[in-house]
Amino acid sequence: MHRPHTGDDQRAVGMSFSRYEKYKDSGVAWLGEVPEHWEVRSIKFVISKIDSGTSVNAIDESAQDHEIGVLKTSCVYSGIFNPAENKTVIEQEIGRITCPLKADTLIVSRMNTPDLIGAAGLVTDAPMNIYLPDRLWQVSFSDTCTAFIYFWTQTLVYKAYIKSVCVGTSSSMQNLSQDQFRSFILALPTFDEQFRIAEFLQNETAKIDELITEQQRLIELLKEKRQAVISHAVTKGLNPDAPMKDSGIKWLGEVPEEWDVINLNYVLDAIGDVDHYMPESIEKGIPYVMTGDLKEFASNIKFEDCKQVSHKDYLKLSKKIRSSRGDVIMARYATIGTTSYIDVDADFLVSYSCVTIKPNHSKVIGLYLFYYFKSDAFLQGIQNQINTNTQGNVGVNDLKNVKVALPTLTEQTRIIEYLQSKISKLDCISDRSQATIELLKERRTALITAAVTGKIDVRGLVSN
């Protein structure tokens, strides 16, 4: 990796900074030049100890003040350490716990999925009753500012290290050895300078994180607005002066007087799922769409990334029902109520964790049903069915009995057009906010990388 030019550094972080007066060749290709007085060395020379805990049985509830907890691997998600991400150790296992959490240490995920392996978080305050599991390390340092090392683990350089040493391990779970971690090379200034760089980054990243939080709050508000717009349109209509009547359904309330309130079954040509059989995977064949593959519109499903099955299994499993354009797919297990409208002509199978809903086009438009299925009224209707179902899922017969508020086909068309316009505008704002978040995250990483590798000099920007 070549040393970026000064201008590249400034543009990357979106701010103007000075550089150090003198640089030297680090001797490491990816690091390039470093400030002359910085020392290039393996991290093992500043590590005083690496501890790891024990695998114990625990319940998936955070430990209270008087209880013993063991950290989850998710406690360092996104580089932020959260001690509340723990599980309560059951009483019979308390004698087996080891490695209590300590302040001024680094928690590192030594075993995780490819996107989280090596994830690190800084422990500033350590609750007395929290311990480590065997999948996390607690790294202590000597004569080194732990916060500086923490920021180093947030750089692209560190992430590239992790990726290079974990190549060839399982795609679902990877391991990081202590020897690999200890061999990583970094450039270190004096302790005082490490502290000042860390203090600068703590202040600046806090500002960036607050901006990210504001955008995330906006996205959540837009989601709520989106949901409210859909729910109102498909249960109250577009005419605020329309005469209303009691639907007779508690969670549906009043609906326009001319609308019908009927069981879903009466507006469908068919509803069903494929046989409860998991076909074998092949390299290239017919896509087998599972709940996790669903998107709001089928045209956005990445069919090439779905499980692939043989044409023979496709024909066998789709005998009862075959999904086609104009139908709605609905998940009826785990993420109950998740829906997808089929707006493409394509051959694919839908997992038995979903149902395919075929509208009777003389009574209801498929896209209107799709929007109605996203309304609060329908979701509460589903929840009512779940509450009477000990298996925790919605069966085909349960769905048939959920009530639907239905206007004429002409009004359905008007509602669809209205919702498409309103949702498009809300989604556009949400997409811009998400793009802003990604830009802020990139800027955050670039700023950290530039500061802890000596590409910019921030010493004069913090108090002595």
Protein backbone atom coordinates (compact mmCIF):
# COMPACT_ATOMS: atom_id res chain seq x y z
CA MET A 1 0.00 0.00 0.00
CA HIS A 2 1.51 3.34 -1.05
CA ARG A 3 1.63 6.38 1.20
CA PRO A 4 -1.29 8.66 0.35
CA HIS A 5 -0.46 12.23 -0.63
CA THR A 6 -1.19 15.06 1.79
CA GLY A 7 -4.07 16.26 -0.34
CA ASP A 8 -5.57 12.75 -0.33
CA ASP A 9 -5.38 12.71 3.46
CA GLN A 10 -7.19 16.03 3.78
CA ARG A 11 -9.91 15.11 1.28
CA ALA A 12 -10.43 11.72 2.93
CA VAL A 13 -11.24 13.21 6.34
CA GLY A 14 -13.02 16.26 4.94
CA MET A 15 -10.97 18.61 7.13
CA SER A 16 -7.71 20.54 6.90
CA PHE A 17 -4.79 19.36 9.06
CA SER A 18 -1.04 19.93 9.25
CA ARG A 19 1.49 17.19 8.69
CA TYR A 20 4.49 16.39 10.85
CA GLU A 21 7.71 18.24 9.99
CA LYS A 22 9.81 15.15 9.31
CA TYR A 23 9.00 11.64 8.18
CA LYS A 24 10.91 8.40 7.76
CA ASP A 25 10.34 5.19 5.83
CA SER A 26 8.56 2.75 8.13
CA GLY A 27 9.98 -0.26 6.28
CA VAL A 28 6.45 -1.58 5.94
CA ALA A 29 4.89 -1.28 2.48
CA TRP A 30 1.31 -0.64 3.59
CA LEU A 31 2.37 1.91 6.22
CA GLY A 32 4.73 3.99 4.06
CA GLU A 33 6.25 6.98 5.81
CA VAL A 34 5.65 7.70 9.49
CA PRO A 35 6.68 10.66 11.65
CA GLU A 36 10.43 10.55 12.30
CA HIS A 37 10.11 10.16 16.07
CA TRP A 38 7.51 7.36 15.93
CA GLU A 39 8.59 3.78 16.57
CA VAL A 40 7.49 0.96 14.28
CA ARG A 41 7.06 -2.34 16.12
CA SER A 42 4.90 -5.42 16.60
CA ILE A 43 2.00 -4.98 18.97
CA LYS A 44 3.34 -7.90 21.03
CA PHE A 45 5.95 -5.58 22.55
CA VAL A 46 3.30 -3.45 24.24
CA ILE A 47 0.90 -6.25 25.24
CA SER A 48 1.28 -7.22 28.88
CA LYS A 49 -1.40 -9.93 28.94
CA ILE A 50 -4.15 -11.56 26.91
CA ASP A 51 -6.91 -13.28 28.90
CA SER A 52 -9.91 -15.24 27.72
CA GLY A 53 -12.84 -16.67 29.64
CA THR A 54 -14.71 -19.95 29.79
CA SER A 55 -17.73 -21.20 27.90
CA VAL A 56 -20.61 -21.43 30.39
CA ASN A 57 -24.35 -21.96 30.19
CA ALA A 58 -26.36 -18.76 30.56
CA ILE A 59 -29.85 -17.41 29.90
CA ASP A 60 -30.34 -14.75 27.26
CA GLU A 61 -31.18 -11.95 29.70
CA SER A 62 -28.80 -9.21 30.85
CA ALA A 63 -27.49 -9.69 34.39
CA GLN A 64 -28.89 -7.38 37.07
CA ASP A 65 -26.69 -5.65 39.66
CA HIS A 66 -26.77 -8.64 42.00
CA GLU A 67 -26.32 -11.27 39.25
CA ILE A 68 -23.29 -12.69 37.43
CA GLY A 69 -23.15 -12.12 33.69
CA VAL A 70 -20.98 -13.31 30.81
CA LEU A 71 -20.38 -11.06 27.80
CA LYS A 72 -21.92 -11.78 24.40
CA THR A 73 -19.68 -11.58 21.34
CA SER A 74 -21.99 -8.77 20.19
CA CYS A 75 -20.66 -6.59 23.03
CA VAL A 76 -18.13 -5.08 20.59
CA TYR A 77 -20.48 -4.64 17.65
CA SER A 78 -19.48 -1.67 15.43
CA GLY A 79 -16.37 -1.11 17.54
CA ILE A 80 -18.32 0.18 20.56
CA PHE A 81 -18.03 -1.83 23.77
CA ASN A 82 -21.38 -2.33 25.49
CA PRO A 83 -21.21 -4.26 28.80
CA ALA A 84 -25.00 -4.49 28.82
CA GLU A 85 -24.62 -7.05 26.01
CA ASN A 86 -24.31 -9.97 28.38
CA LYS A 87 -26.18 -13.08 29.49
CA THR A 88 -27.00 -14.12 33.04
CA VAL A 89 -24.93 -17.12 34.16
CA ILE A 90 -27.08 -19.87 35.67
CA GLU A 91 -26.34 -20.68 39.30
CA GLN A 92 -24.87 -24.14 38.62
CA GLU A 93 -22.26 -22.61 36.29
CA ILE A 94 -21.01 -19.76 38.49
CA GLY A 95 -18.15 -21.86 39.82
CA ARG A 96 -16.75 -22.23 36.28
CA ILE A 97 -16.54 -18.56 35.30
CA THR A 98 -13.11 -16.99 34.82
CA CYS A 99 -11.60 -13.68 33.69
CA PRO A 100 -13.55 -10.81 35.27
CA LEU A 101 -13.93 -7.69 33.14
CA LYS A 102 -11.34 -5.00 33.89
CA ALA A 103 -11.19 -1.31 33.02
CA ASP A 104 -8.59 0.13 30.61
CA THR A 105 -8.46 -3.01 28.50
CA LEU A 106 -9.37 -3.95 24.96
CA ILE A 107 -12.01 -6.58 24.27
CA VAL A 108 -11.29 -8.44 21.02
CA SER A 109 -13.49 -11.01 19.27
CA ARG A 110 -11.21 -13.96 18.51
CA MET A 111 -13.93 -16.17 17.00
CA ASN A 112 -16.77 -14.76 14.92
CA THR A 113 -18.28 -14.35 11.48
CA PRO A 114 -16.05 -12.85 8.74
CA ASP A 115 -17.52 -9.37 9.17
CA LEU A 116 -17.01 -9.34 12.96
CA ILE A 117 -13.83 -11.36 13.50
CA GLY A 118 -11.25 -9.18 15.27
CA ALA A 119 -13.86 -6.59 16.29
CA ALA A 120 -12.52 -4.62 19.26
CA GLY A 121 -14.00 -2.35 21.91
CA LEU A 122 -12.49 -0.16 24.64
CA VAL A 123 -13.38 -0.90 28.26
CA THR A 124 -13.38 2.35 30.23
CA ASP A 125 -15.56 1.24 33.16
CA ALA A 126 -15.93 -2.40 34.16
CA PRO A 127 -18.98 -3.66 36.07
CA MET A 128 -17.90 -5.90 38.96
CA ASN A 129 -20.09 -8.85 38.03
CA ILE A 130 -19.30 -9.29 34.32
CA TYR A 131 -16.97 -12.01 32.98
CA LEU A 132 -15.59 -13.03 29.60
CA PRO A 133 -16.65 -16.04 27.49
CA ASP A 134 -14.09 -18.13 25.62
CA ARG A 135 -14.72 -16.34 22.30
CA LEU A 136 -13.44 -12.98 23.53
CA TRP A 137 -10.02 -11.77 24.62
CA GLN A 138 -9.26 -9.13 27.22
CA VAL A 139 -6.01 -7.46 26.17
CA SER A 140 -3.96 -5.41 28.65
CA PHE A 141 -1.09 -3.11 27.65
CA SER A 142 2.00 -1.72 29.36
CA ASP A 143 3.45 1.77 28.88
CA THR A 144 0.89 2.37 26.15
CA CYS A 145 -2.35 4.34 25.91
CA THR A 146 -5.08 1.71 25.53
CA ALA A 147 -7.39 4.22 23.85
CA PHE A 148 -4.75 4.82 21.15
CA ILE A 149 -4.56 1.07 20.46
CA TYR A 150 -8.35 0.95 20.38
CA PHE A 151 -8.48 3.61 17.67
CA TRP A 152 -5.81 1.69 15.76
CA THR A 153 -8.19 -1.32 15.70
CA GLN A 154 -10.79 0.88 14.00
CA THR A 155 -8.55 1.60 11.00
CA LEU A 156 -8.70 0.05 7.56
CA VAL A 157 -5.10 -1.08 8.14
CA TYR A 158 -6.11 -3.25 11.12
CA LYS A 159 -9.13 -4.63 9.26
CA ALA A 160 -6.89 -5.53 6.33
CA TYR A 161 -4.61 -7.39 8.76
CA ILE A 162 -7.57 -9.36 10.11
CA LYS A 163 -8.79 -10.23 6.63
CA SER A 164 -5.35 -11.41 5.50
CA VAL A 165 -4.71 -13.78 8.41
CA CYS A 166 -8.23 -15.27 8.40
CA VAL A 167 -8.24 -16.20 4.70
CA GLY A 168 -9.06 -19.84 4.11
CA THR A 169 -11.09 -20.41 7.28
CA SER A 170 -14.83 -21.11 7.38
CA SER A 171 -17.08 -18.61 5.64
CA SER A 172 -19.53 -18.75 8.55
CA MET A 173 -17.08 -18.68 11.49
CA GLN A 174 -13.44 -17.62 11.62
CA ASN A 175 -10.70 -17.74 14.23
CA LEU A 176 -7.93 -15.31 15.14
CA SER A 177 -4.93 -16.75 17.01
CA GLN A 178 -2.93 -14.89 19.64
CA ASP A 179 0.23 -15.33 17.59
CA GLN A 180 -1.46 -13.68 14.60
CA PHE A 181 -2.75 -10.80 16.71
CA ARG A 182 0.61 -10.27 18.42
CA SER A 183 2.40 -10.13 15.05
CA PHE A 184 0.49 -7.09 13.79
CA ILE A 185 2.73 -4.06 13.22
CA LEU A 186 1.88 -0.47 14.09
CA ALA A 187 3.66 2.86 14.50
CA LEU A 188 3.74 4.30 18.01
CA PRO A 189 4.51 7.85 19.15
CA THR A 190 5.40 8.66 22.76
CA PHE A 191 2.85 7.86 25.47
CA ASP A 192 1.97 11.54 25.87
CA GLU A 193 1.36 11.88 22.14
CA GLN A 194 -0.67 8.68 22.05
CA PHE A 195 -2.86 10.11 24.80
CA ARG A 196 -3.33 13.42 22.98
CA ILE A 197 -4.19 11.71 19.67
CA ALA A 198 -6.69 9.47 21.48
CA GLU A 199 -8.24 12.48 23.22
CA PHE A 200 -8.59 14.30 19.91
CA LEU A 201 -10.21 11.26 18.27
CA GLN A 202 -12.59 10.72 21.18
CA ASN A 203 -13.81 14.31 20.81
CA GLU A 204 -14.07 14.28 17.03
CA THR A 205 -15.62 10.82 16.67
CA ALA A 206 -18.18 11.72 19.33
CA LYS A 207 -19.29 14.62 17.11
CA ILE A 208 -19.48 12.35 14.05
CA ASP A 209 -21.34 9.67 16.03
CA GLU A 210 -23.92 12.25 17.13
CA LEU A 211 -24.50 13.23 13.50
CA ILE A 212 -24.92 9.56 12.61
CA THR A 213 -27.40 9.13 15.47
CA GLU A 214 -29.42 12.11 14.23
CA GLN A 215 -29.65 10.57 10.75
CA GLN A 216 -30.63 7.21 12.24
CA ARG A 217 -33.38 8.90 14.24
CA LEU A 218 -34.63 10.57 11.07
CA ILE A 219 -34.73 7.20 9.28
CA GLU A 220 -36.77 5.71 12.13
CA LEU A 221 -39.20 8.65 12.01
CA LEU A 222 -39.55 8.17 8.26
CA LYS A 223 -40.30 4.47 8.81
CA GLU A 224 -43.01 5.40 11.29
CA LYS A 225 -44.42 7.99 8.88
CA ARG A 226 -44.36 5.43 6.05
CA GLN A 227 -46.22 2.91 8.18
CA ALA A 228 -48.80 5.50 9.25
CA VAL A 229 -49.41 6.63 5.66
CA ILE A 230 -50.00 3.05 4.50
CA SER A 231 -52.19 2.12 7.46
CA HIS A 232 -54.41 5.18 7.10
CA ALA A 233 -54.83 4.86 3.33
CA VAL A 234 -55.89 1.20 3.34
CA THR A 235 -58.25 1.47 6.32
CA LYS A 236 -59.65 5.02 6.14
CA GLY A 237 -59.34 5.80 2.43
CA LEU A 238 -58.32 9.06 0.78
CA ASN A 239 -61.50 11.09 1.31
CA PRO A 240 -61.45 12.71 4.78
CA ASP A 241 -65.18 13.58 4.42
CA ALA A 242 -66.35 10.05 3.58
CA PRO A 243 -69.12 8.69 5.87
CA MET A 244 -67.71 6.04 8.23
CA LYS A 245 -69.08 2.89 9.87
CA ASP A 246 -67.91 0.65 12.69
CA SER A 247 -66.01 -2.32 11.23
CA GLY A 248 -66.85 -4.48 14.22
CA ILE A 249 -63.15 -5.27 14.58
CA LYS A 250 -61.41 -3.72 17.59
CA TRP A 251 -58.04 -3.10 15.91
CA LEU A 252 -59.61 -1.93 12.65
CA GLY A 253 -62.04 0.62 14.08
CA GLU A 254 -64.12 2.69 11.68
CA VAL A 255 -63.86 2.26 7.92
CA PRO A 256 -65.55 4.10 5.03
CA GLU A 257 -69.25 3.25 4.86
CA GLU A 258 -69.09 1.81 1.33
CA TRP A 259 -66.18 -0.53 2.06
CA ASP A 260 -66.60 -4.25 2.72
CA VAL A 261 -65.08 -5.92 5.78
CA ILE A 262 -64.62 -9.59 4.91
CA ASN A 263 -62.41 -12.59 5.52
CA LEU A 264 -59.27 -12.62 3.39
CA ASN A 265 -60.27 -15.98 1.95
CA TYR A 266 -63.20 -14.44 0.05
CA VAL A 267 -60.98 -12.26 -2.14
CA LEU A 268 -58.42 -14.92 -3.07
CA ASP A 269 -58.11 -17.46 -5.84
CA ALA A 270 -55.65 -19.48 -3.79
CA ILE A 271 -53.39 -19.41 -0.76
CA GLY A 272 -50.87 -22.08 0.14
CA ASP A 273 -47.31 -23.20 0.61
CA VAL A 274 -45.04 -25.78 -0.99
CA ASP A 275 -44.46 -29.22 0.51
CA HIS A 276 -42.54 -29.15 3.79
CA TYR A 277 -39.44 -30.68 2.30
CA MET A 278 -36.02 -29.09 1.96
CA PRO A 279 -34.57 -29.92 -1.48
CA GLU A 280 -30.86 -30.41 -2.05
CA SER A 281 -28.77 -27.51 -3.29
CA ILE A 282 -27.14 -27.51 -6.69
CA GLU A 283 -24.66 -25.07 -8.20
CA LYS A 284 -27.05 -23.49 -10.69
CA GLY A 285 -30.76 -24.10 -11.02
CA ILE A 286 -34.09 -22.67 -9.87
CA PRO A 287 -33.87 -20.10 -7.02
CA TYR A 288 -35.30 -21.28 -3.68
CA VAL A 289 -36.38 -18.10 -1.89
CA MET A 290 -36.26 -18.18 1.90
CA THR A 291 -37.59 -15.63 4.38
CA GLY A 292 -34.22 -13.87 4.65
CA ASP A 293 -34.15 -13.38 0.86
CA LEU A 294 -37.43 -11.46 0.70
CA LYS A 295 -37.56 -7.83 -0.42
CA GLU A 296 -40.64 -5.62 -0.68
CA PHE A 297 -40.68 -6.22 -4.42
CA ALA A 298 -39.50 -9.48 -5.97
CA SER A 299 -37.58 -7.56 -8.63
CA ASN A 300 -35.15 -6.56 -5.85
CA ILE A 301 -34.50 -10.14 -4.70
CA LYS A 302 -30.99 -11.31 -5.61
CA PHE A 303 -32.08 -14.61 -7.11
CA GLU A 304 -28.51 -15.55 -8.00
CA ASP A 305 -27.60 -15.47 -4.28
CA CYS A 306 -30.51 -17.68 -3.23
CA LYS A 307 -30.24 -21.41 -2.67
CA GLN A 308 -30.47 -23.18 -6.05
CA VAL A 309 -32.48 -26.37 -6.60
CA SER A 310 -33.00 -28.72 -9.52
CA HIS A 311 -35.78 -28.25 -12.06
CA LYS A 312 -37.11 -31.65 -11.01
CA ASP A 313 -37.48 -30.48 -7.38
CA TYR A 314 -39.03 -27.23 -8.60
CA LEU A 315 -41.74 -29.09 -10.49
CA LYS A 316 -42.30 -31.49 -7.60
CA LEU A 317 -42.57 -28.85 -4.89
CA SER A 318 -44.65 -26.36 -6.87
CA LYS A 319 -47.46 -28.81 -7.66
CA LYS A 320 -49.75 -27.35 -4.98
CA ILE A 321 -49.06 -23.71 -5.75
CA ARG A 322 -46.68 -21.79 -8.00
CA SER A 323 -45.78 -18.14 -7.39
CA SER A 324 -46.29 -15.76 -10.32
CA ARG A 325 -46.53 -12.07 -11.19
CA GLY A 326 -49.27 -10.27 -9.22
CA ASP A 327 -49.07 -12.64 -6.23
CA VAL A 328 -47.96 -11.72 -2.71
CA ILE A 329 -45.50 -13.77 -0.66
CA MET A 330 -45.83 -13.66 3.12
CA ALA A 331 -43.55 -15.09 5.81
CA ARG A 332 -45.46 -17.06 8.41
CA TYR A 333 -42.69 -18.12 10.77
CA ALA A 334 -39.95 -16.06 12.55
CA THR A 335 -40.50 -12.70 10.78
CA ILE A 336 -44.25 -13.19 10.57
CA GLY A 337 -46.00 -10.73 8.27
CA THR A 338 -42.98 -9.85 6.11
CA THR A 339 -44.37 -9.48 2.60
CA SER A 340 -43.08 -9.32 -0.96
CA TYR A 341 -45.04 -8.38 -4.08
CA ILE A 342 -44.14 -10.35 -7.21
CA ASP A 343 -43.61 -7.81 -9.96
CA VAL A 344 -41.51 -10.00 -12.27
CA ASP A 345 -42.01 -13.01 -14.52
CA ALA A 346 -39.54 -15.57 -13.19
CA ASP A 347 -39.40 -19.20 -12.12
CA PHE A 348 -38.56 -19.59 -8.42
CA LEU A 349 -39.68 -21.58 -5.42
CA VAL A 350 -40.83 -20.02 -2.16
CA SER A 351 -39.75 -21.78 1.02
CA TYR A 352 -42.41 -23.50 3.14
CA SER A 353 -41.73 -20.84 5.76
CA CYS A 354 -43.76 -18.56 3.48
CA VAL A 355 -47.15 -18.69 1.82
CA THR A 356 -48.07 -17.58 -1.68
CA ILE A 357 -51.26 -15.52 -1.85
CA LYS A 358 -53.07 -15.33 -5.20
CA PRO A 359 -55.67 -12.54 -5.39
CA ASN A 360 -59.00 -12.85 -7.19
CA HIS A 361 -58.48 -10.00 -9.66
CA SER A 362 -62.21 -9.37 -9.99
CA LYS A 363 -62.25 -8.36 -6.30
CA VAL A 364 -58.81 -7.16 -5.30
CA ILE A 365 -55.59 -5.93 -6.89
CA GLY A 366 -52.49 -7.80 -5.74
CA LEU A 367 -50.56 -4.61 -5.07
CA TYR A 368 -53.41 -3.30 -2.91
CA LEU A 369 -53.28 -6.52 -0.88
CA PHE A 370 -49.52 -6.07 -0.52
CA TYR A 371 -50.03 -2.62 1.00
CA TYR A 372 -52.90 -3.80 3.17
CA PHE A 373 -50.72 -6.60 4.55
CA LYS A 374 -48.28 -3.92 5.71
CA SER A 375 -50.93 -1.98 7.66
CA ASP A 376 -51.15 -1.93 11.44
CA ALA A 377 -54.70 -3.32 11.24
CA PHE A 378 -53.63 -6.42 9.33
CA LEU A 379 -50.52 -6.97 11.46
CA GLN A 380 -52.67 -6.81 14.60
CA GLY A 381 -55.09 -9.22 13.00
CA ILE A 382 -52.21 -11.63 12.40
CA GLN A 383 -51.01 -11.14 15.98
CA ASN A 384 -54.46 -12.11 17.20
CA GLN A 385 -54.15 -15.37 15.26
CA ILE A 386 -50.66 -15.98 16.67
CA ASN A 387 -51.95 -15.56 20.21
CA THR A 388 -54.34 -18.46 19.66
CA ASN A 389 -51.65 -20.61 18.03
CA THR A 390 -49.30 -22.40 20.43
CA GLN A 391 -46.79 -23.05 17.66
CA GLY A 392 -46.00 -19.34 17.33
CA ASN A 393 -46.70 -19.16 13.61
CA VAL A 394 -49.59 -18.34 11.31
CA GLY A 395 -51.11 -21.20 9.37
CA VAL A 396 -52.86 -20.96 6.02
CA ASN A 397 -56.29 -21.34 7.66
CA ASP A 398 -55.42 -18.61 10.18
CA LEU A 399 -54.61 -16.20 7.36
CA LYS A 400 -57.84 -17.00 5.58
CA ASN A 401 -59.79 -15.80 8.61
CA VAL A 402 -58.06 -12.43 9.02
CA LYS A 403 -60.45 -9.57 8.22
CA VAL A 404 -59.73 -7.20 5.31
CA ALA A 405 -61.24 -3.75 4.68
CA LEU A 406 -61.89 -3.54 0.96
CA PRO A 407 -62.91 -0.61 -1.27
CA THR A 408 -63.94 -0.88 -4.93
CA LEU A 409 -61.32 -1.75 -7.55
CA THR A 410 -61.37 1.85 -8.77
CA GLU A 411 -60.62 3.20 -5.30
CA GLN A 412 -57.99 0.51 -4.79
CA THR A 413 -56.20 1.85 -7.87
CA ARG A 414 -56.35 5.43 -6.56
CA ILE A 415 -54.96 4.31 -3.18
CA ILE A 416 -52.13 2.39 -4.87
CA GLU A 417 -51.16 5.44 -6.94
CA TYR A 418 -51.31 7.70 -3.86
CA LEU A 419 -49.16 5.32 -1.78
CA GLN A 420 -46.59 4.85 -4.53
CA SER A 421 -46.15 8.62 -4.75
CA LYS A 422 -45.98 9.23 -1.00
CA ILE A 423 -43.73 6.24 -0.26
CA SER A 424 -41.37 7.15 -3.08
CA LYS A 425 -40.80 10.58 -1.55
CA LEU A 426 -40.30 9.19 1.96
CA ASP A 427 -37.93 6.49 0.71
CA CYS A 428 -35.94 9.08 -1.24
CA ILE A 429 -35.37 11.10 1.95
CA SER A 430 -34.49 7.92 3.84
CA ASP A 431 -32.01 6.86 1.13
CA ARG A 432 -30.31 10.25 1.34
CA SER A 433 -30.03 9.91 5.11
CA GLN A 434 -28.55 6.43 4.75
CA ALA A 435 -26.04 7.74 2.20
CA THR A 436 -25.10 10.49 4.67
CA ILE A 437 -24.55 7.87 7.37
CA GLU A 438 -22.24 5.88 5.09
CA LEU A 439 -20.29 9.04 4.22
CA LEU A 440 -19.93 9.94 7.91
CA LYS A 441 -18.73 6.42 8.71
CA GLU A 442 -16.14 6.62 5.92
CA ARG A 443 -15.00 10.02 7.17
CA ARG A 444 -14.77 8.68 10.73
CA THR A 445 -12.58 5.77 9.62
CA ALA A 446 -10.43 8.02 7.43
CA LEU A 447 -9.87 10.49 10.28
CA ILE A 448 -8.91 7.74 12.72
CA THR A 449 -6.58 6.10 10.20
CA ALA A 450 -4.85 9.37 9.32
CA ALA A 451 -4.33 10.30 12.98
CA VAL A 452 -3.04 6.98 14.33
CA THR A 453 -0.70 6.39 11.40
CA GLY A 454 0.80 9.87 11.60
CA LYS A 455 -0.47 11.14 8.26
CA ILE A 456 -1.87 14.21 10.02
CA ASP A 457 -0.64 16.08 13.11
CA VAL A 458 -3.38 16.73 15.66
CA ARG A 459 -1.18 17.56 18.65
CA GLY A 460 -1.99 21.24 18.51
CA LEU A 461 -5.73 20.58 18.48
CA VAL A 462 -5.94 19.23 22.04
CA SER A 463 -4.98 20.82 25.36
CA ASN A 464 -1.73 19.77 27.00
